Amino acid sequence: MGSEDTSIELVQKLVDQAQSLRMQSVAVPLKDLRILLQVCEAVVAQQNSSTVK
């Protein structure tokens, strides 16, 4: 399991906990947010490149 998988799982766990507690916000470690952002950017770039073809 890579750091990307671990970060995504941690963020998902925090989101699930916040939702179950009806919280409006939650603190996520910056390291995990950066990794999640990189994954999202890679997916968007891949989608954009496949759309252009």
N, C-alpha and C. Protein backbone atom coordinates (compact mmCIF):
# COMPACT_ATOMS: atom_id res chain seq x y z
N MET A 1 0.85 -1.18 0.00
CA MET A 1 0.00 0.00 0.00
C MET A 1 0.89 1.24 0.00
N GLY A 2 0.69 2.12 -0.99
CA GLY A 2 1.50 3.32 -1.10
C GLY A 2 0.98 4.45 -0.23
N SER A 3 1.77 5.51 -0.19
CA SER A 3 1.36 6.65 0.63
C SER A 3 0.10 7.30 0.07
N GLU A 4 -0.10 7.21 -1.26
CA GLU A 4 -1.33 7.75 -1.84
C GLU A 4 -2.55 7.02 -1.30
N ASP A 5 -2.48 5.68 -1.30
CA ASP A 5 -3.61 4.89 -0.79
C ASP A 5 -3.87 5.19 0.68
N THR A 6 -2.80 5.27 1.46
CA THR A 6 -2.94 5.54 2.89
C THR A 6 -3.56 6.90 3.13
N SER A 7 -3.12 7.91 2.38
CA SER A 7 -3.65 9.25 2.54
C SER A 7 -5.12 9.32 2.15
N ILE A 8 -5.46 8.69 1.05
CA ILE A 8 -6.86 8.70 0.61
C ILE A 8 -7.74 8.00 1.64
N GLU A 9 -7.27 6.89 2.16
CA GLU A 9 -8.04 6.16 3.18
C GLU A 9 -8.20 7.00 4.44
N LEU A 10 -7.16 7.71 4.85
CA LEU A 10 -7.24 8.56 6.04
C LEU A 10 -8.25 9.68 5.83
N VAL A 11 -8.19 10.33 4.67
CA VAL A 11 -9.13 11.41 4.38
C VAL A 11 -10.56 10.87 4.36
N GLN A 12 -10.76 9.71 3.74
CA GLN A 12 -12.10 9.10 3.70
C GLN A 12 -12.60 8.79 5.11
N LYS A 13 -11.72 8.28 5.95
CA LYS A 13 -12.09 7.97 7.33
C LYS A 13 -12.50 9.23 8.08
N LEU A 14 -11.73 10.30 7.89
CA LEU A 14 -12.06 11.57 8.56
C LEU A 14 -13.39 12.13 8.06
N VAL A 15 -13.63 12.02 6.77
CA VAL A 15 -14.90 12.49 6.20
C VAL A 15 -16.06 11.68 6.77
N ASP A 16 -15.90 10.37 6.81
CA ASP A 16 -16.96 9.50 7.34
C ASP A 16 -17.25 9.83 8.80
N GLN A 17 -16.20 10.02 9.59
CA GLN A 17 -16.39 10.35 11.01
C GLN A 17 -17.09 11.70 11.16
N ALA A 18 -16.68 12.67 10.37
CA ALA A 18 -17.29 14.00 10.45
C ALA A 18 -18.77 13.93 10.07
N GLN A 19 -19.09 13.17 9.03
CA GLN A 19 -20.48 13.04 8.62
C GLN A 19 -21.31 12.35 9.70
N SER A 20 -20.77 11.32 10.30
CA SER A 20 -21.54 10.61 11.33
C SER A 20 -21.78 11.48 12.56
N LEU A 21 -20.87 12.43 12.80
CA LEU A 21 -21.04 13.35 13.92
C LEU A 21 -21.73 14.65 13.51
N ARG A 22 -22.16 14.71 12.24
CA ARG A 22 -22.83 15.89 11.68
C ARG A 22 -21.98 17.16 11.82
N MET A 23 -20.68 16.98 11.62
CA MET A 23 -19.76 18.12 11.68
C MET A 23 -19.74 18.82 10.33
N GLN A 24 -19.48 20.12 10.33
CA GLN A 24 -19.42 20.90 9.11
C GLN A 24 -17.99 21.01 8.56
N SER A 25 -17.00 20.70 9.39
CA SER A 25 -15.61 20.77 8.95
C SER A 25 -14.79 19.76 9.75
N VAL A 26 -13.60 19.49 9.22
CA VAL A 26 -12.71 18.54 9.86
C VAL A 26 -11.27 18.91 9.49
N ALA A 27 -10.35 18.68 10.41
CA ALA A 27 -8.94 18.96 10.14
C ALA A 27 -8.31 17.75 9.48
N VAL A 28 -7.65 18.00 8.36
CA VAL A 28 -6.95 16.94 7.62
C VAL A 28 -5.48 17.34 7.55
N PRO A 29 -4.58 16.41 7.85
CA PRO A 29 -3.16 16.74 7.76
C PRO A 29 -2.78 17.26 6.37
N LEU A 30 -1.96 18.30 6.35
CA LEU A 30 -1.56 18.94 5.10
C LEU A 30 -0.88 17.95 4.16
N LYS A 31 -0.09 17.03 4.68
CA LYS A 31 0.58 16.03 3.86
C LYS A 31 -0.44 15.22 3.07
N ASP A 32 -1.51 14.82 3.74
CA ASP A 32 -2.54 14.03 3.08
C ASP A 32 -3.32 14.86 2.06
N LEU A 33 -3.56 16.13 2.37
CA LEU A 33 -4.25 16.99 1.41
C LEU A 33 -3.41 17.19 0.15
N ARG A 34 -2.10 17.34 0.32
CA ARG A 34 -1.22 17.51 -0.84
C ARG A 34 -1.26 16.27 -1.73
N ILE A 35 -1.19 15.10 -1.12
CA ILE A 35 -1.22 13.86 -1.89
C ILE A 35 -2.56 13.71 -2.60
N LEU A 36 -3.63 14.01 -1.89
CA LEU A 36 -4.97 13.92 -2.50
C LEU A 36 -5.10 14.89 -3.67
N LEU A 37 -4.57 16.08 -3.52
CA LEU A 37 -4.59 17.07 -4.60
C LEU A 37 -3.79 16.58 -5.80
N GLN A 38 -2.63 15.98 -5.57
CA GLN A 38 -1.82 15.45 -6.67
C GLN A 38 -2.56 14.35 -7.42
N VAL A 39 -3.24 13.49 -6.69
CA VAL A 39 -4.01 12.41 -7.32
C VAL A 39 -5.13 13.01 -8.16
N CYS A 40 -5.84 13.98 -7.62
CA CYS A 40 -6.93 14.62 -8.35
C CYS A 40 -6.42 15.33 -9.60
N GLU A 41 -5.30 16.02 -9.49
CA GLU A 41 -4.73 16.70 -10.65
C GLU A 41 -4.33 15.70 -11.73
N ALA A 42 -3.78 14.57 -11.34
CA ALA A 42 -3.38 13.55 -12.30
C ALA A 42 -4.61 12.99 -13.03
N VAL A 43 -5.69 12.76 -12.29
CA VAL A 43 -6.92 12.24 -12.89
C VAL A 43 -7.50 13.26 -13.87
N VAL A 44 -7.54 14.51 -13.48
CA VAL A 44 -8.08 15.56 -14.36
C VAL A 44 -7.22 15.67 -15.61
N ALA A 45 -5.90 15.64 -15.47
CA ALA A 45 -5.02 15.72 -16.63
C ALA A 45 -5.24 14.54 -17.56
N GLN A 46 -5.43 13.37 -16.99
CA GLN A 46 -5.67 12.17 -17.80
C GLN A 46 -7.00 12.28 -18.54
N GLN A 47 -8.02 12.78 -17.84
CA GLN A 47 -9.33 12.94 -18.47
C GLN A 47 -9.26 13.98 -19.60
N ASN A 48 -8.53 15.05 -19.35
CA ASN A 48 -8.41 16.10 -20.36
C ASN A 48 -7.67 15.60 -21.59
N SER A 49 -6.63 14.79 -21.38
CA SER A 49 -5.88 14.28 -22.52
C SER A 49 -6.70 13.26 -23.33
N SER A 50 -7.55 12.51 -22.65
CA SER A 50 -8.38 11.55 -23.39
C SER A 50 -9.54 12.25 -24.10
N THR A 51 -9.96 13.38 -23.60
CA THR A 51 -11.03 14.16 -24.23
C THR A 51 -10.53 14.82 -25.51
N VAL A 52 -9.28 15.25 -25.49
CA VAL A 52 -8.69 15.94 -26.64
C VAL A 52 -8.51 15.00 -27.82
N LYS A 53 -8.25 13.73 -27.57
CA LYS A 53 -7.99 12.77 -28.65
C LYS A 53 -9.16 12.57 -29.56
